[in-house]
Amino acid sequence: MEVSYFTKVNITKSTFFISLDESKLFNTMSKGHFIIVRSETDIIIKESKFSGGQATEGGAIYLEDGSTLLAIDCFFEKNSASVNGGVLYATFPDMVTILNSEFSMNKALVKGSHLYVSYVNYKTG
């Protein structure tokens, strides 16, 4: 699923699953196996499960360019990236918030077995 250009998306009680086949990991040239979020888009994910996603960056979710992610009560397992961000790869995000969520057996071959976030503007209270 790809969402982009100033949209607001809510996902609740959903399951994203694919049987993990390690042999295909290195041939996967993609971003965000299940969800790609582009260009100032807001996404809220609640009570959902992501399992077996494979990509070059962001095994399950790829987030970019001023977009925001709020994940609450989610479970992420066995997602893989051949480069960065086994679960999530975020570049130039506006905000990434993950609350009360669980990560299990995710991996990335370079950086961020669970999360990889780059080019962040830090905000302080």
PDB file of N, CA and C in Angstrom:
ATOM      1  N   MET A   1       0.848  -1.159   0.000  1.00  0.00           N
ATOM      2  CA  MET A   1       0.000   0.000   0.000  1.00  0.00           C
ATOM      3  C   MET A   1       0.899   1.229   0.000  1.00  0.00           C
ATOM      4  N   GLU A   2       0.633   2.149  -0.885  1.00  0.00           N
ATOM      5  CA  GLU A   2       1.369   3.409  -0.897  1.00  0.00           C
ATOM      6  C   GLU A   2       0.387   4.544  -0.676  1.00  0.00           C
ATOM      7  N   VAL A   3       0.727   5.412   0.278  1.00  0.00           N
ATOM      8  CA  VAL A   3      -0.090   6.591   0.544  1.00  0.00           C
ATOM      9  C   VAL A   3       0.797   7.819   0.394  1.00  0.00           C
ATOM     10  N   SER A   4       0.235   8.877  -0.190  1.00  0.00           N
ATOM     11  CA  SER A   4       1.088  10.036  -0.429  1.00  0.00           C
ATOM     12  C   SER A   4       0.294  11.314  -0.610  1.00  0.00           C
ATOM     13  N   TYR A   5       1.045  12.389  -0.583  1.00  0.00           N
ATOM     14  CA  TYR A   5       0.584  13.728  -0.900  1.00  0.00           C
ATOM     15  C   TYR A   5      -0.572  14.214  -0.031  1.00  0.00           C
ATOM     16  N   PHE A   6      -0.187  14.512   1.215  1.00  0.00           N
ATOM     17  CA  PHE A   6      -1.053  15.211   2.153  1.00  0.00           C
ATOM     18  C   PHE A   6      -2.311  14.436   2.566  1.00  0.00           C
ATOM     19  N   THR A   7      -2.234  13.125   2.559  1.00  0.00           N
ATOM     20  CA  THR A   7      -3.379  12.315   2.988  1.00  0.00           C
ATOM     21  C   THR A   7      -3.262  12.004   4.476  1.00  0.00           C
ATOM     22  N   LYS A   8      -4.361  11.597   5.066  1.00  0.00           N
ATOM     23  CA  LYS A   8      -4.386  11.114   6.441  1.00  0.00           C
ATOM     24  C   LYS A   8      -4.973   9.715   6.402  1.00  0.00           C
ATOM     25  N   VAL A   9      -4.237   8.764   6.985  1.00  0.00           N
ATOM     26  CA  VAL A   9      -4.646   7.362   6.920  1.00  0.00           C
ATOM     27  C   VAL A   9      -4.697   6.785   8.331  1.00  0.00           C
ATOM     28  N   ASN A  10      -5.764   6.040   8.628  1.00  0.00           N
ATOM     29  CA  ASN A  10      -5.894   5.319   9.888  1.00  0.00           C
ATOM     30  C   ASN A  10      -6.028   3.831   9.592  1.00  0.00           C
ATOM     31  N   ILE A  11      -5.196   3.029  10.245  1.00  0.00           N
ATOM     32  CA  ILE A  11      -5.252   1.571  10.105  1.00  0.00           C
ATOM     33  C   ILE A  11      -5.443   1.003  11.506  1.00  0.00           C
ATOM     34  N   THR A  12      -6.470   0.169  11.681  1.00  0.00           N
ATOM     35  CA  THR A  12      -6.766  -0.392  13.000  1.00  0.00           C
ATOM     36  C   THR A  12      -7.055  -1.881  12.886  1.00  0.00           C
ATOM     37  N   LYS A  13      -6.501  -2.647  13.833  1.00  0.00           N
ATOM     38  CA  LYS A  13      -6.737  -4.086  13.954  1.00  0.00           C
ATOM     39  C   LYS A  13      -6.540  -4.813  12.626  1.00  0.00           C
ATOM     40  N   SER A  14      -5.384  -4.587  12.014  1.00  0.00           N
ATOM     41  CA  SER A  14      -5.074  -5.207  10.726  1.00  0.00           C
ATOM     42  C   SER A  14      -3.854  -6.110  10.854  1.00  0.00           C
ATOM     43  N   THR A  15      -3.762  -7.091   9.978  1.00  0.00           N
ATOM     44  CA  THR A  15      -2.615  -7.995   9.948  1.00  0.00           C
ATOM     45  C   THR A  15      -1.975  -7.930   8.567  1.00  0.00           C
ATOM     46  N   PHE A  16      -0.671  -7.666   8.554  1.00  0.00           N
ATOM     47  CA  PHE A  16       0.124  -7.663   7.333  1.00  0.00           C
ATOM     48  C   PHE A  16       1.102  -8.821   7.471  1.00  0.00           C
ATOM     49  N   PHE A  17       0.993  -9.817   6.621  1.00  0.00           N
ATOM     50  CA  PHE A  17       1.777 -11.045   6.794  1.00  0.00           C
ATOM     51  C   PHE A  17       2.235 -11.591   5.450  1.00  0.00           C
ATOM     52  N   ILE A  18       3.465 -12.068   5.436  1.00  0.00           N
ATOM     53  CA  ILE A  18       3.963 -12.833   4.301  1.00  0.00           C
ATOM     54  C   ILE A  18       4.934 -13.858   4.862  1.00  0.00           C
ATOM     55  N   SER A  19       4.943 -15.027   4.304  1.00  0.00           N
ATOM     56  CA  SER A  19       5.851 -16.078   4.741  1.00  0.00           C
ATOM     57  C   SER A  19       7.279 -15.661   4.405  1.00  0.00           C
ATOM     58  N   LEU A  20       8.147 -15.615   5.402  1.00  0.00           N
ATOM     59  CA  LEU A  20       9.518 -15.157   5.216  1.00  0.00           C
ATOM     60  C   LEU A  20      10.360 -16.185   4.482  1.00  0.00           C
ATOM     61  N   ASP A  21      10.927 -15.790   3.352  1.00  0.00           N
ATOM     62  CA  ASP A  21      11.820 -16.639   2.569  1.00  0.00           C
ATOM     63  C   ASP A  21      13.148 -15.911   2.457  1.00  0.00           C
ATOM     64  N   GLU A  22      14.096 -16.290   3.301  1.00  0.00           N
ATOM     65  CA  GLU A  22      15.393 -15.618   3.356  1.00  0.00           C
ATOM     66  C   GLU A  22      16.095 -15.586   1.999  1.00  0.00           C
ATOM     67  N   SER A  23      15.882 -16.560   1.163  1.00  0.00           N
ATOM     68  CA  SER A  23      16.591 -16.603  -0.118  1.00  0.00           C
ATOM     69  C   SER A  23      16.178 -15.454  -1.035  1.00  0.00           C
ATOM     70  N   LYS A  24      14.996 -14.893  -0.835  1.00  0.00           N
ATOM     71  CA  LYS A  24      14.522 -13.800  -1.672  1.00  0.00           C
ATOM     72  C   LYS A  24      14.936 -12.433  -1.144  1.00  0.00           C
ATOM     73  N   LEU A  25      15.435 -12.381   0.098  1.00  0.00           N
ATOM     74  CA  LEU A  25      15.754 -11.103   0.721  1.00  0.00           C
ATOM     75  C   LEU A  25      16.735 -10.291  -0.115  1.00  0.00           C
ATOM     76  N   PHE A  26      17.779 -10.904  -0.610  1.00  0.00           N
ATOM     77  CA  PHE A  26      18.815 -10.167  -1.311  1.00  0.00           C
ATOM     78  C   PHE A  26      18.405  -9.787  -2.728  1.00  0.00           C
ATOM     79  N   ASN A  27      17.351 -10.362  -3.251  1.00  0.00           N
ATOM     80  CA  ASN A  27      16.852  -9.996  -4.572  1.00  0.00           C
ATOM     81  C   ASN A  27      15.753  -8.944  -4.498  1.00  0.00           C
ATOM     82  N   THR A  28      15.364  -8.569  -3.293  1.00  0.00           N
ATOM     83  CA  THR A  28      14.284  -7.615  -3.100  1.00  0.00           C
ATOM     84  C   THR A  28      14.837  -6.196  -3.175  1.00  0.00           C
ATOM     85  N   MET A  29      14.497  -5.476  -4.199  1.00  0.00           N
ATOM     86  CA  MET A  29      14.948  -4.095  -4.351  1.00  0.00           C
ATOM     87  C   MET A  29      13.750  -3.181  -4.194  1.00  0.00           C
ATOM     88  N   SER A  30      13.312  -3.023  -2.966  1.00  0.00           N
ATOM     89  CA  SER A  30      12.096  -2.250  -2.731  1.00  0.00           C
ATOM     90  C   SER A  30      12.197  -1.483  -1.426  1.00  0.00           C
ATOM     91  N   LYS A  31      11.188  -0.691  -1.157  1.00  0.00           N
ATOM     92  CA  LYS A  31      11.102   0.065   0.081  1.00  0.00           C
ATOM     93  C   LYS A  31       9.739  -0.216   0.697  1.00  0.00           C
ATOM     94  N   GLY A  32       9.727  -0.500   1.998  1.00  0.00           N
ATOM     95  CA  GLY A  32       8.470  -0.682   2.708  1.00  0.00           C
ATOM     96  C   GLY A  32       7.575  -1.758   2.132  1.00  0.00           C
ATOM     97  N   HIS A  33       7.850  -2.986   2.472  1.00  0.00           N
ATOM     98  CA  HIS A  33       7.107  -4.116   1.890  1.00  0.00           C
ATOM     99  C   HIS A  33       5.590  -3.952   2.010  1.00  0.00           C
ATOM    100  N   PHE A  34       5.117  -3.535   3.174  1.00  0.00           N
ATOM    101  CA  PHE A  34       3.670  -3.427   3.389  1.00  0.00           C
ATOM    102  C   PHE A  34       3.128  -2.014   3.162  1.00  0.00           C
ATOM    103  N   ILE A  35       3.863  -0.998   3.654  1.00  0.00           N
ATOM    104  CA  ILE A  35       3.348   0.372   3.590  1.00  0.00           C
ATOM    105  C   ILE A  35       4.472   1.339   3.208  1.00  0.00           C
ATOM    106  N   ILE A  36       4.198   2.193   2.232  1.00  0.00           N
ATOM    107  CA  ILE A  36       5.093   3.289   1.865  1.00  0.00           C
ATOM    108  C   ILE A  36       4.322   4.585   2.098  1.00  0.00           C
ATOM    109  N   VAL A  37       4.916   5.481   2.883  1.00  0.00           N
ATOM    110  CA  VAL A  37       4.270   6.752   3.226  1.00  0.00           C
ATOM    111  C   VAL A  37       5.141   7.880   2.674  1.00  0.00           C
ATOM    112  N   ARG A  38       4.597   8.685   1.766  1.00  0.00           N
ATOM    113  CA  ARG A  38       5.375   9.734   1.093  1.00  0.00           C
ATOM    114  C   ARG A  38       4.743  11.121   1.259  1.00  0.00           C
ATOM    115  N   SER A  39       5.560  12.128   1.173  1.00  0.00           N
ATOM    116  CA  SER A  39       5.170  13.527   0.980  1.00  0.00           C
ATOM    117  C   SER A  39       4.112  14.059   1.935  1.00  0.00           C
ATOM    118  N   GLU A  40       4.540  14.351   3.143  1.00  0.00           N
ATOM    119  CA  GLU A  40       3.705  15.019   4.143  1.00  0.00           C
ATOM    120  C   GLU A  40       2.372  14.338   4.383  1.00  0.00           C
ATOM    121  N   THR A  41       2.428  13.034   4.545  1.00  0.00           N
ATOM    122  CA  THR A  41       1.246  12.224   4.815  1.00  0.00           C
ATOM    123  C   THR A  41       1.275  11.782   6.274  1.00  0.00           C
ATOM    124  N   ASP A  42       0.118  11.738   6.921  1.00  0.00           N
ATOM    125  CA  ASP A  42       0.004  11.297   8.307  1.00  0.00           C
ATOM    126  C   ASP A  42      -0.623   9.912   8.341  1.00  0.00           C
ATOM    127  N   ILE A  43       0.010   9.003   9.082  1.00  0.00           N
ATOM    128  CA  ILE A  43      -0.547   7.655   9.213  1.00  0.00           C
ATOM    129  C   ILE A  43      -0.583   7.265  10.683  1.00  0.00           C
ATOM    130  N   ILE A  44      -1.715   6.732  11.096  1.00  0.00           N
ATOM    131  CA  ILE A  44      -1.897   6.219  12.451  1.00  0.00           C
ATOM    132  C   ILE A  44      -2.215   4.737  12.332  1.00  0.00           C
ATOM    133  N   ILE A  45      -1.431   3.917  13.032  1.00  0.00           N
ATOM    134  CA  ILE A  45      -1.631   2.469  13.003  1.00  0.00           C
ATOM    135  C   ILE A  45      -1.857   1.999  14.437  1.00  0.00           C
ATOM    136  N   LYS A  46      -2.986   1.315  14.672  1.00  0.00           N
ATOM    137  CA  LYS A  46      -3.322   0.844  16.016  1.00  0.00           C
ATOM    138  C   LYS A  46      -3.632  -0.645  15.996  1.00  0.00           C
ATOM    139  N   GLU A  47      -3.161  -1.340  17.032  1.00  0.00           N
ATOM    140  CA  GLU A  47      -3.502  -2.743  17.272  1.00  0.00           C
ATOM    141  C   GLU A  47      -3.330  -3.601  16.024  1.00  0.00           C
ATOM    142  N   SER A  48      -2.184  -3.462  15.362  1.00  0.00           N
ATOM    143  CA  SER A  48      -1.945  -4.186  14.113  1.00  0.00           C
ATOM    144  C   SER A  48      -0.660  -4.998  14.196  1.00  0.00           C
ATOM    145  N   LYS A  49      -0.549  -5.983  13.318  1.00  0.00           N
ATOM    146  CA  LYS A  49       0.598  -6.889  13.311  1.00  0.00           C
ATOM    147  C   LYS A  49       1.252  -6.870  11.932  1.00  0.00           C
ATOM    148  N   PHE A  50       2.577  -6.799  11.928  1.00  0.00           N
ATOM    149  CA  PHE A  50       3.380  -6.826  10.702  1.00  0.00           C
ATOM    150  C   PHE A  50       4.374  -7.969  10.824  1.00  0.00           C
ATOM    151  N   SER A  51       4.299  -8.935   9.929  1.00  0.00           N
ATOM    152  CA  SER A  51       5.157 -10.110  10.028  1.00  0.00           C
ATOM    153  C   SER A  51       5.662 -10.548   8.652  1.00  0.00           C
ATOM    154  N   GLY A  52       6.984 -10.729   8.546  1.00  0.00           N
ATOM    155  CA  GLY A  52       7.583 -11.294   7.337  1.00  0.00           C
ATOM    156  C   GLY A  52       7.867 -10.324   6.213  1.00  0.00           C
ATOM    157  N   GLY A  53       7.755  -9.025   6.449  1.00  0.00           N
ATOM    158  CA  GLY A  53       8.032  -8.052   5.392  1.00  0.00           C
ATOM    159  C   GLY A  53       9.510  -8.048   5.017  1.00  0.00           C
ATOM    160  N   GLN A  54       9.811  -7.886   3.738  1.00  0.00           N
ATOM    161  CA  GLN A  54      11.189  -7.862   3.247  1.00  0.00           C
ATOM    162  C   GLN A  54      11.356  -6.722   2.261  1.00  0.00           C
ATOM    163  N   ALA A  55      12.409  -5.937   2.440  1.00  0.00           N
ATOM    164  CA  ALA A  55      12.693  -4.844   1.517  1.00  0.00           C
ATOM    165  C   ALA A  55      14.157  -4.462   1.640  1.00  0.00           C
ATOM    166  N   THR A  56      14.608  -3.615   0.745  1.00  0.00           N
ATOM    167  CA  THR A  56      15.959  -3.083   0.852  1.00  0.00           C
ATOM    168  C   THR A  56      16.025  -2.136   2.051  1.00  0.00           C
ATOM    169  N   GLU A  57      15.048  -1.235   2.169  1.00  0.00           N
ATOM    170  CA  GLU A  57      14.949  -0.303   3.281  1.00  0.00           C
ATOM    171  C   GLU A  57      13.528  -0.344   3.830  1.00  0.00           C
ATOM    172  N   GLY A  58      13.427  -0.541   5.155  1.00  0.00           N
ATOM    173  CA  GLY A  58      12.111  -0.610   5.787  1.00  0.00           C
ATOM    174  C   GLY A  58      11.394  -1.896   5.463  1.00  0.00           C
ATOM    175  N   GLY A  59      11.750  -2.969   6.147  1.00  0.00           N
ATOM    176  CA  GLY A  59      11.156  -4.275   5.868  1.00  0.00           C
ATOM    177  C   GLY A  59       9.640  -4.270   5.868  1.00  0.00           C
ATOM    178  N   ALA A  60       9.030  -3.486   6.767  1.00  0.00           N
ATOM    179  CA  ALA A  60       7.570  -3.395   6.837  1.00  0.00           C
ATOM    180  C   ALA A  60       7.052  -2.038   6.372  1.00  0.00           C
ATOM    181  N   ILE A  61       7.698  -0.939   6.833  1.00  0.00           N
ATOM    182  CA  ILE A  61       7.191   0.407   6.585  1.00  0.00           C
ATOM    183  C   ILE A  61       8.329   1.331   6.145  1.00  0.00           C
ATOM    184  N   TYR A  62       8.054   2.143   5.137  1.00  0.00           N
ATOM    185  CA  TYR A  62       8.991   3.157   4.655  1.00  0.00           C
ATOM    186  C   TYR A  62       8.289   4.504   4.743  1.00  0.00           C
ATOM    187  N   LEU A  63       8.934   5.482   5.378  1.00  0.00           N
ATOM    188  CA  LEU A  63       8.327   6.795   5.637  1.00  0.00           C
ATOM    189  C   LEU A  63       9.286   7.884   5.163  1.00  0.00           C
ATOM    190  N   GLU A  64       8.770   8.897   4.448  1.00  0.00           N
ATOM    191  CA  GLU A  64       9.682   9.942   3.963  1.00  0.00           C
ATOM    192  C   GLU A  64       9.029  11.316   3.861  1.00  0.00           C
ATOM    193  N   ASP A  65       9.866  12.314   3.715  1.00  0.00           N
ATOM    194  CA  ASP A  65       9.521  13.677   3.310  1.00  0.00           C
ATOM    195  C   ASP A  65       8.397  14.350   4.096  1.00  0.00           C
ATOM    196  N   GLY A  66       8.648  14.621   5.381  1.00  0.00           N
ATOM    197  CA  GLY A  66       7.703  15.380   6.179  1.00  0.00           C
ATOM    198  C   GLY A  66       6.481  14.612   6.633  1.00  0.00           C
ATOM    199  N   SER A  67       6.482  13.307   6.468  1.00  0.00           N
ATOM    200  CA  SER A  67       5.347  12.478   6.891  1.00  0.00           C
ATOM    201  C   SER A  67       5.456  12.148   8.378  1.00  0.00           C
ATOM    202  N   THR A  68       4.326  11.759   8.969  1.00  0.00           N
ATOM    203  CA  THR A  68       4.319  11.370  10.378  1.00  0.00           C
ATOM    204  C   THR A  68       3.759   9.964  10.531  1.00  0.00           C
ATOM    205  N   LEU A  69       4.280   9.265  11.526  1.00  0.00           N
ATOM    206  CA  LEU A  69       3.799   7.927  11.869  1.00  0.00           C
ATOM    207  C   LEU A  69       3.511   7.879  13.357  1.00  0.00           C
ATOM    208  N   LEU A  70       2.334   7.391  13.702  1.00  0.00           N
ATOM    209  CA  LEU A  70       1.980   7.085  15.082  1.00  0.00           C
ATOM    210  C   LEU A  70       1.540   5.638  15.104  1.00  0.00           C
ATOM    211  N   ALA A  71       2.302   4.792  15.802  1.00  0.00           N
ATOM    212  CA  ALA A  71       1.960   3.369  15.932  1.00  0.00           C
ATOM    213  C   ALA A  71       1.697   3.077  17.408  1.00  0.00           C
ATOM    214  N   ILE A  72       0.532   2.505  17.686  1.00  0.00           N
ATOM    215  CA  ILE A  72       0.123   2.227  19.066  1.00  0.00           C
ATOM    216  C   ILE A  72      -0.329   0.773  19.166  1.00  0.00           C
ATOM    217  N   ASP A  73       0.190   0.065  20.175  1.00  0.00           N
ATOM    218  CA  ASP A  73      -0.205  -1.325  20.442  1.00  0.00           C
ATOM    219  C   ASP A  73      -0.022  -2.225  19.218  1.00  0.00           C
ATOM    220  N   CYS A  74       1.130  -2.109  18.570  1.00  0.00           N
ATOM    221  CA  CYS A  74       1.410  -2.919  17.380  1.00  0.00           C
ATOM    222  C   CYS A  74       2.456  -3.983  17.686  1.00  0.00           C
ATOM    223  N   PHE A  75       2.511  -4.993  16.853  1.00  0.00           N
ATOM    224  CA  PHE A  75       3.471  -6.084  17.000  1.00  0.00           C
ATOM    225  C   PHE A  75       4.203  -6.253  15.675  1.00  0.00           C
ATOM    226  N   PHE A  76       5.536  -6.210  15.717  1.00  0.00           N
ATOM    227  CA  PHE A  76       6.376  -6.327  14.534  1.00  0.00           C
ATOM    228  C   PHE A  76       7.303  -7.519  14.706  1.00  0.00           C
ATOM    229  N   GLU A  77       7.185  -8.518  13.831  1.00  0.00           N
ATOM    230  CA  GLU A  77       8.050  -9.683  13.971  1.00  0.00           C
ATOM    231  C   GLU A  77       8.547 -10.188  12.615  1.00  0.00           C
ATOM    232  N   LYS A  78       9.783 -10.674  12.615  1.00  0.00           N
ATOM    233  CA  LYS A  78      10.393 -11.330  11.457  1.00  0.00           C
ATOM    234  C   LYS A  78      10.366 -10.492  10.181  1.00  0.00           C
ATOM    235  N   ASN A  79      10.507  -9.179  10.329  1.00  0.00           N
ATOM    236  CA  ASN A  79      10.647  -8.298   9.169  1.00  0.00           C
ATOM    237  C   ASN A  79      12.132  -8.098   8.908  1.00  0.00           C
ATOM    238  N   SER A  80      12.526  -7.939   7.652  1.00  0.00           N
ATOM    239  CA  SER A  80      13.941  -7.848   7.306  1.00  0.00           C
ATOM    240  C   SER A  80      14.216  -6.792   6.249  1.00  0.00           C
ATOM    241  N   ALA A  81      15.389  -6.158   6.377  1.00  0.00           N
ATOM    242  CA  ALA A  81      15.868  -5.232   5.353  1.00  0.00           C
ATOM    243  C   ALA A  81      17.273  -5.643   4.950  1.00  0.00           C
ATOM    244  N   SER A  82      17.538  -5.645   3.661  1.00  0.00           N
ATOM    245  CA  SER A  82      18.876  -6.005   3.202  1.00  0.00           C
ATOM    246  C   SER A  82      19.863  -4.863   3.432  1.00  0.00           C
ATOM    247  N   VAL A  83      19.360  -3.655   3.745  1.00  0.00           N
ATOM    248  CA  VAL A  83      20.249  -2.541   4.080  1.00  0.00           C
ATOM    249  C   VAL A  83      19.868  -2.013   5.469  1.00  0.00           C
ATOM    250  N   ASN A  84      18.944  -1.054   5.569  1.00  0.00           N
ATOM    251  CA  ASN A  84      18.625  -0.406   6.850  1.00  0.00           C
ATOM    252  C   ASN A  84      17.142  -0.517   7.212  1.00  0.00           C
ATOM    253  N   GLY A  85      16.889  -0.611   8.525  1.00  0.00           N
ATOM    254  CA  GLY A  85      15.521  -0.560   9.043  1.00  0.00           C
ATOM    255  C   GLY A  85      14.729  -1.831   8.845  1.00  0.00           C
ATOM    256  N   GLY A  86      14.980  -2.831   9.691  1.00  0.00           N
ATOM    257  CA  GLY A  86      14.272  -4.104   9.586  1.00  0.00           C
ATOM    258  C   GLY A  86      12.764  -3.948   9.601  1.00  0.00           C
ATOM    259  N   VAL A  87      12.254  -3.051  10.443  1.00  0.00           N
ATOM    260  CA  VAL A  87      10.810  -2.767  10.504  1.00  0.00           C
ATOM    261  C   VAL A  87      10.495  -1.458   9.798  1.00  0.00           C
ATOM    262  N   LEU A  88      11.183  -0.387  10.195  1.00  0.00           N
ATOM    263  CA  LEU A  88      10.871   0.956   9.711  1.00  0.00           C
ATOM    264  C   LEU A  88      12.121   1.669   9.224  1.00  0.00           C
ATOM    265  N   TYR A  89      12.018   2.278   8.059  1.00  0.00           N
ATOM    266  CA  TYR A  89      13.032   3.202   7.551  1.00  0.00           C
ATOM    267  C   TYR A  89      12.339   4.537   7.385  1.00  0.00           C
ATOM    268  N   ALA A  90      12.835   5.564   8.065  1.00  0.00           N
ATOM    269  CA  ALA A  90      12.241   6.897   7.966  1.00  0.00           C
ATOM    270  C   ALA A  90      13.319   7.904   7.589  1.00  0.00           C
ATOM    271  N   THR A  91      13.093   8.642   6.518  1.00  0.00           N
ATOM    272  CA  THR A  91      14.041   9.673   6.098  1.00  0.00           C
ATOM    273  C   THR A  91      13.305  11.007   5.962  1.00  0.00           C
ATOM    274  N   PHE A  92      13.842  12.030   6.568  1.00  0.00           N
ATOM    275  CA  PHE A  92      13.216  13.356   6.621  1.00  0.00           C
ATOM    276  C   PHE A  92      11.784  13.301   7.166  1.00  0.00           C
ATOM    277  N   PRO A  93      11.523  12.505   8.236  1.00  0.00           N
ATOM    278  CA  PRO A  93      10.159  12.466   8.774  1.00  0.00           C
ATOM    279  C   PRO A  93       9.853  13.735   9.565  1.00  0.00           C
ATOM    280  N   ASP A  94       8.574  14.064   9.661  1.00  0.00           N
ATOM    281  CA  ASP A  94       8.179  15.142  10.551  1.00  0.00           C
ATOM    282  C   ASP A  94       8.151  14.622  11.981  1.00  0.00           C
ATOM    283  N   MET A  95       7.577  13.413  12.168  1.00  0.00           N
ATOM    284  CA  MET A  95       7.539  12.824  13.494  1.00  0.00           C
ATOM    285  C   MET A  95       7.312  11.312  13.388  1.00  0.00           C
ATOM    286  N   VAL A  96       7.999  10.581  14.260  1.00  0.00           N
ATOM    287  CA  VAL A  96       7.779   9.137  14.397  1.00  0.00           C
ATOM    288  C   VAL A  96       7.530   8.868  15.871  1.00  0.00           C
ATOM    289  N   THR A  97       6.358   8.300  16.188  1.00  0.00           N
ATOM    290  CA  THR A  97       6.017   7.964  17.570  1.00  0.00           C
ATOM    291  C   THR A  97       5.531   6.520  17.597  1.00  0.00           C
ATOM    292  N   ILE A  98       6.151   5.725  18.457  1.00  0.00           N
ATOM    293  CA  ILE A  98       5.748   4.326  18.616  1.00  0.00           C
ATOM    294  C   ILE A  98       5.505   4.098  20.100  1.00  0.00           C
ATOM    295  N   LEU A  99       4.273   3.707  20.436  1.00  0.00           N
ATOM    296  CA  LEU A  99       3.874   3.538  21.833  1.00  0.00           C
ATOM    297  C   LEU A  99       3.365   2.123  22.089  1.00  0.00           C
ATOM    298  N   ASN A 100       3.770   1.560  23.214  1.00  0.00           N
ATOM    299  CA  ASN A 100       3.252   0.281  23.690  1.00  0.00           C
ATOM    300  C   ASN A 100       3.246  -0.790  22.594  1.00  0.00           C
ATOM    301  N   SER A 101       4.344  -0.868  21.844  1.00  0.00           N
ATOM    302  CA  SER A 101       4.447  -1.822  20.741  1.00  0.00           C
ATOM    303  C   SER A 101       5.592  -2.783  20.997  1.00  0.00           C
ATOM    304  N   GLU A 102       5.554  -3.922  20.332  1.00  0.00           N
ATOM    305  CA  GLU A 102       6.528  -4.983  20.574  1.00  0.00           C
ATOM    306  C   GLU A 102       7.275  -5.320  19.286  1.00  0.00           C
ATOM    307  N   PHE A 103       8.591  -5.542  19.427  1.00  0.00           N
ATOM    308  CA  PHE A 103       9.450  -5.898  18.308  1.00  0.00           C
ATOM    309  C   PHE A 103      10.106  -7.238  18.600  1.00  0.00           C
ATOM    310  N   SER A 104      10.075  -8.162  17.639  1.00  0.00           N
ATOM    311  CA  SER A 104      10.645  -9.493  17.861  1.00  0.00           C
ATOM    312  C   SER A 104      11.257 -10.039  16.570  1.00  0.00           C
ATOM    313  N   MET A 105      12.514 -10.439  16.641  1.00  0.00           N
ATOM    314  CA  MET A 105      13.222 -11.135  15.563  1.00  0.00           C
ATOM    315  C   MET A 105      13.229 -10.384  14.225  1.00  0.00           C
ATOM    316  N   ASN A 106      13.333  -9.075  14.271  1.00  0.00           N
ATOM    317  CA  ASN A 106      13.487  -8.282  13.048  1.00  0.00           C
ATOM    318  C   ASN A 106      14.977  -8.097  12.802  1.00  0.00           C
ATOM    319  N   LYS A 107      15.371  -7.825  11.539  1.00  0.00           N
ATOM    320  CA  LYS A 107      16.791  -7.609  11.301  1.00  0.00           C
ATOM    321  C   LYS A 107      17.030  -6.745  10.074  1.00  0.00           C
ATOM    322  N   ALA A 108      18.181  -6.092  10.106  1.00  0.00           N
ATOM    323  CA  ALA A 108      18.690  -5.344   8.960  1.00  0.00           C
ATOM    324  C   ALA A 108      20.163  -5.700   8.849  1.00  0.00           C
ATOM    325  N   LEU A 109      20.654  -5.817   7.646  1.00  0.00           N
ATOM    326  CA  LEU A 109      22.033  -6.258   7.461  1.00  0.00           C
ATOM    327  C   LEU A 109      23.059  -5.149   7.659  1.00  0.00           C
ATOM    328  N   VAL A 110      22.642  -3.879   7.621  1.00  0.00           N
ATOM    329  CA  VAL A 110      23.595  -2.789   7.830  1.00  0.00           C
ATOM    330  C   VAL A 110      23.287  -2.062   9.138  1.00  0.00           C
ATOM    331  N   LYS A 111      22.170  -1.346   9.226  1.00  0.00           N
ATOM    332  CA  LYS A 111      21.851  -0.590  10.444  1.00  0.00           C
ATOM    333  C   LYS A 111      20.372  -0.703  10.786  1.00  0.00           C
ATOM    334  N   GLY A 112      20.088  -0.712  12.086  1.00  0.00           N
ATOM    335  CA  GLY A 112      18.721  -0.627  12.580  1.00  0.00           C
ATOM    336  C   GLY A 112      17.895  -1.886  12.407  1.00  0.00           C
ATOM    337  N   SER A 113      18.164  -2.897  13.224  1.00  0.00           N
ATOM    338  CA  SER A 113      17.390  -4.142  13.128  1.00  0.00           C
ATOM    339  C   SER A 113      15.892  -3.891  13.230  1.00  0.00           C
ATOM    340  N   HIS A 114      15.517  -2.910  14.034  1.00  0.00           N
ATOM    341  CA  HIS A 114      14.101  -2.572  14.158  1.00  0.00           C
ATOM    342  C   HIS A 114      13.793  -1.249  13.447  1.00  0.00           C
ATOM    343  N   LEU A 115      14.545  -0.201  13.800  1.00  0.00           N
ATOM    344  CA  LEU A 115      14.247   1.142  13.301  1.00  0.00           C
ATOM    345  C   LEU A 115      15.492   1.824  12.743  1.00  0.00           C
ATOM    346  N   TYR A 116      15.322   2.568  11.667  1.00  0.00           N
ATOM    347  CA  TYR A 116      16.382   3.420  11.137  1.00  0.00           C
ATOM    348  C   TYR A 116      15.738   4.745  10.759  1.00  0.00           C
ATOM    349  N   VAL A 117      16.193   5.820  11.412  1.00  0.00           N
ATOM    350  CA  VAL A 117      15.633   7.147  11.163  1.00  0.00           C
ATOM    351  C   VAL A 117      16.778   8.090  10.809  1.00  0.00           C
ATOM    352  N   SER A 118      16.653   8.789   9.681  1.00  0.00           N
ATOM    353  CA  SER A 118      17.716   9.720   9.266  1.00  0.00           C
ATOM    354  C   SER A 118      17.146  11.094   8.949  1.00  0.00           C
ATOM    355  N   TYR A 119      18.005  12.080   9.082  1.00  0.00           N
ATOM    356  CA  TYR A 119      17.666  13.468   8.779  1.00  0.00           C
ATOM    357  C   TYR A 119      16.431  13.933   9.538  1.00  0.00           C
ATOM    358  N   VAL A 120      16.584  13.953  10.852  1.00  0.00           N
ATOM    359  CA  VAL A 120      15.489  14.338  11.744  1.00  0.00           C
ATOM    360  C   VAL A 120      15.735  15.741  12.278  1.00  0.00           C
ATOM    361  N   ASN A 121      14.705  16.571  12.306  1.00  0.00           N
ATOM    362  CA  ASN A 121      14.762  17.841  13.003  1.00  0.00           C
ATOM    363  C   ASN A 121      14.277  17.604  14.422  1.00  0.00           C
ATOM    364  N   TYR A 122      15.178  17.731  15.377  1.00  0.00           N
ATOM    365  CA  TYR A 122      14.804  17.480  16.760  1.00  0.00           C
ATOM    366  C   TYR A 122      14.028  18.662  17.322  1.00  0.00           C
ATOM    367  N   LYS A 123      12.952  18.354  18.027  1.00  0.00           N
ATOM    368  CA  LYS A 123      12.141  19.383  18.658  1.00  0.00           C
ATOM    369  C   LYS A 123      12.254  19.192  20.170  1.00  0.00           C
ATOM    370  N   THR A 124      12.452  20.266  20.890  1.00  0.00           N
ATOM    371  CA  THR A 124      12.507  20.187  22.342  1.00  0.00           C
ATOM    372  C   THR A 124      11.403  21.046  22.929  1.00  0.00           C
ATOM    373  N   GLY A 125      10.953  20.634  24.118  1.00  0.00           N
ATOM    374  CA  GLY A 125       9.814  21.294  24.736  1.00  0.00           C
ATOM    375  C   GLY A 125      10.143  22.549  25.393  1.00  0.00           C
TER     376      GLY A 125
END
